[in-house]
């Protein structure tokens, strides 16, 4: 996974929880193929009404990265997202402790 691009995606915020999509555990994979970037990610729920907003945020953030000319966002539902995928700090922000 391209860590630089992953860091870039930290500026994309889940509008419902106010936490970036990386710490939310929504980004499953990000690969650079020359000037093209492919992101595999999920949403907190299938059919999330913020689908277009979040995918558009991913595209805009990555198109601002050096050398990126094309972005493809693949939304997947397998594995389904669950709170265990969140970073420890993200879980603390929403009050989930384990």
C-alpha atoms as a PDB file:
ATOM      1  CA  UNK A   1       0.000   0.000   0.000  1.00  0.00           C
ATOM      2  CA  UNK A   2       1.349   3.431  -0.932  1.00  0.00           C
ATOM      3  CA  UNK A   3       1.814   5.139   2.465  1.00  0.00           C
ATOM      4  CA  UNK A   4       2.243   8.625   0.975  1.00  0.00           C
ATOM      5  CA  UNK A   5      -1.098   8.408  -0.806  1.00  0.00           C
ATOM      6  CA  UNK A   6      -2.671   6.854   2.271  1.00  0.00           C
ATOM      7  CA  UNK A   7      -1.548   9.904   4.253  1.00  0.00           C
ATOM      8  CA  UNK A   8      -3.107  12.119   1.582  1.00  0.00           C
ATOM      9  CA  UNK A   9      -6.432  10.367   2.158  1.00  0.00           C
ATOM     10  CA  UNK A  10      -6.375  11.385   5.815  1.00  0.00           C
ATOM     11  CA  UNK A  11      -7.786  14.732   4.671  1.00  0.00           C
ATOM     12  CA  UNK A  12     -11.006  13.008   3.518  1.00  0.00           C
ATOM     13  CA  UNK A  13     -13.433  13.088   6.424  1.00  0.00           C
ATOM     14  CA  UNK A  14     -16.409  10.801   6.981  1.00  0.00           C
ATOM     15  CA  UNK A  15     -19.180  13.422   7.182  1.00  0.00           C
ATOM     16  CA  UNK A  16     -21.254  11.488   9.702  1.00  0.00           C
ATOM     17  CA  UNK A  17     -18.558  10.895  12.305  1.00  0.00           C
ATOM     18  CA  UNK A  18     -16.047  13.642  11.494  1.00  0.00           C
ATOM     19  CA  UNK A  19     -13.114  11.201  11.375  1.00  0.00           C
ATOM     20  CA  UNK A  20     -10.838  10.659   8.396  1.00  0.00           C
ATOM     21  CA  UNK A  21     -11.553   7.628   6.234  1.00  0.00           C
ATOM     22  CA  UNK A  22      -8.137   6.072   6.895  1.00  0.00           C
ATOM     23  CA  UNK A  23      -8.570   6.021  10.674  1.00  0.00           C
ATOM     24  CA  UNK A  24     -12.145   4.856  10.165  1.00  0.00           C
ATOM     25  CA  UNK A  25     -10.703   1.753   8.476  1.00  0.00           C
ATOM     26  CA  UNK A  26     -12.586   2.392   5.245  1.00  0.00           C
ATOM     27  CA  UNK A  27      -9.547   2.217   2.929  1.00  0.00           C
ATOM     28  CA  UNK A  28      -8.644  -1.396   2.173  1.00  0.00           C
ATOM     29  CA  UNK A  29      -5.978  -0.836  -0.493  1.00  0.00           C
ATOM     30  CA  UNK A  30      -4.387   1.946  -2.504  1.00  0.00           C
ATOM     31  CA  UNK A  31      -2.069   1.267  -5.414  1.00  0.00           C
ATOM     32  CA  UNK A  32      -0.237   3.562  -7.801  1.00  0.00           C
ATOM     33  CA  UNK A  33       0.189   2.388 -11.371  1.00  0.00           C
ATOM     34  CA  UNK A  34       2.249   5.158 -12.964  1.00  0.00           C
ATOM     35  CA  UNK A  35       0.089   8.284 -12.859  1.00  0.00           C
ATOM     36  CA  UNK A  36      -3.042   6.259 -12.095  1.00  0.00           C
ATOM     37  CA  UNK A  37      -4.207   5.434  -8.574  1.00  0.00           C
ATOM     38  CA  UNK A  38      -6.700   2.717  -7.683  1.00  0.00           C
ATOM     39  CA  UNK A  39      -8.355   2.826  -4.265  1.00  0.00           C
ATOM     40  CA  UNK A  40     -10.343  -0.078  -2.842  1.00  0.00           C
ATOM     41  CA  UNK A  41     -12.511   1.062  -0.006  1.00  0.00           C
ATOM     42  CA  UNK A  42     -15.803   0.511   1.716  1.00  0.00           C
ATOM     43  CA  UNK A  43     -18.377   2.600   3.524  1.00  0.00           C
ATOM     44  CA  UNK A  44     -19.720   2.184   7.028  1.00  0.00           C
ATOM     45  CA  UNK A  45     -23.000   0.837   5.617  1.00  0.00           C
ATOM     46  CA  UNK A  46     -23.941  -0.538   2.193  1.00  0.00           C
ATOM     47  CA  UNK A  47     -25.986   2.035   0.339  1.00  0.00           C
ATOM     48  CA  UNK A  48     -24.533   4.876   2.427  1.00  0.00           C
ATOM     49  CA  UNK A  49     -26.134   8.122   1.230  1.00  0.00           C
ATOM     50  CA  UNK A  50     -22.734   9.863   1.421  1.00  0.00           C
ATOM     51  CA  UNK A  51     -21.257   7.518  -1.218  1.00  0.00           C
ATOM     52  CA  UNK A  52     -20.774  10.174  -3.893  1.00  0.00           C
ATOM     53  CA  UNK A  53     -19.446  12.751  -1.447  1.00  0.00           C
ATOM     54  CA  UNK A  54     -16.835  10.431   0.037  1.00  0.00           C
ATOM     55  CA  UNK A  55     -15.735   8.965  -3.321  1.00  0.00           C
ATOM     56  CA  UNK A  56     -15.496  12.498  -4.746  1.00  0.00           C
ATOM     57  CA  UNK A  57     -13.389  13.577  -1.775  1.00  0.00           C
ATOM     58  CA  UNK A  58     -11.023  10.657  -2.368  1.00  0.00           C
ATOM     59  CA  UNK A  59     -10.676  11.577  -6.028  1.00  0.00           C
ATOM     60  CA  UNK A  60     -10.089  15.268  -5.335  1.00  0.00           C
ATOM     61  CA  UNK A  61      -7.524  14.597  -2.602  1.00  0.00           C
ATOM     62  CA  UNK A  62      -5.534  12.173  -4.725  1.00  0.00           C
ATOM     63  CA  UNK A  63      -5.640  14.308  -7.864  1.00  0.00           C
ATOM     64  CA  UNK A  64      -3.868  16.940  -5.780  1.00  0.00           C
ATOM     65  CA  UNK A  65      -0.981  14.566  -5.074  1.00  0.00           C
ATOM     66  CA  UNK A  66       2.191  14.855  -7.092  1.00  0.00           C
ATOM     67  CA  UNK A  67       2.200  12.748 -10.248  1.00  0.00           C
ATOM     68  CA  UNK A  68      -1.425  11.586  -9.972  1.00  0.00           C
ATOM     69  CA  UNK A  69      -3.475  12.182 -13.113  1.00  0.00           C
ATOM     70  CA  UNK A  70      -6.226   9.585 -12.800  1.00  0.00           C
ATOM     71  CA  UNK A  71      -8.045   8.068  -9.829  1.00  0.00           C
ATOM     72  CA  UNK A  72     -10.374   5.096  -9.736  1.00  0.00           C
ATOM     73  CA  UNK A  73     -12.342   4.428  -6.564  1.00  0.00           C
ATOM     74  CA  UNK A  74     -13.646   0.881  -6.194  1.00  0.00           C
ATOM     75  CA  UNK A  75     -16.273   0.547  -3.498  1.00  0.00           C
ATOM     76  CA  UNK A  76     -16.407  -2.962  -2.082  1.00  0.00           C
ATOM     77  CA  UNK A  77     -18.551  -4.527   0.623  1.00  0.00           C
ATOM     78  CA  UNK A  78     -16.365  -7.518   1.372  1.00  0.00           C
ATOM     79  CA  UNK A  79     -15.234  -7.603   4.034  1.00  0.00           C
ATOM     80  CA  UNK A  80     -18.032  -5.565   5.528  1.00  0.00           C
ATOM     81  CA  UNK A  81     -16.865  -2.665   7.654  1.00  0.00           C
ATOM     82  CA  UNK A  82     -17.132  -2.897  11.430  1.00  0.00           C
ATOM     83  CA  UNK A  83     -15.864  -0.695  14.280  1.00  0.00           C
ATOM     84  CA  UNK A  84     -12.952  -3.050  14.963  1.00  0.00           C
ATOM     85  CA  UNK A  85     -11.408  -1.730  11.722  1.00  0.00           C
ATOM     86  CA  UNK A  86     -11.080   1.753  13.204  1.00  0.00           C
ATOM     87  CA  UNK A  87      -7.783   2.972  14.583  1.00  0.00           C
ATOM     88  CA  UNK A  88      -7.527   3.154  18.351  1.00  0.00           C
ATOM     89  CA  UNK A  89      -7.659   6.959  18.243  1.00  0.00           C
ATOM     90  CA  UNK A  90     -10.772   6.929  16.034  1.00  0.00           C
ATOM     91  CA  UNK A  91     -12.535   4.522  18.399  1.00  0.00           C
ATOM     92  CA  UNK A  92     -11.637   6.800  21.306  1.00  0.00           C
ATOM     93  CA  UNK A  93     -13.083   9.808  19.464  1.00  0.00           C
ATOM     94  CA  UNK A  94     -16.458   8.101  19.184  1.00  0.00           C
ATOM     95  CA  UNK A  95     -16.311   6.519  22.625  1.00  0.00           C
ATOM     96  CA  UNK A  96     -15.736   2.901  21.649  1.00  0.00           C
ATOM     97  CA  UNK A  97     -13.355   1.172  24.018  1.00  0.00           C
ATOM     98  CA  UNK A  98     -12.178  -2.432  24.092  1.00  0.00           C
END
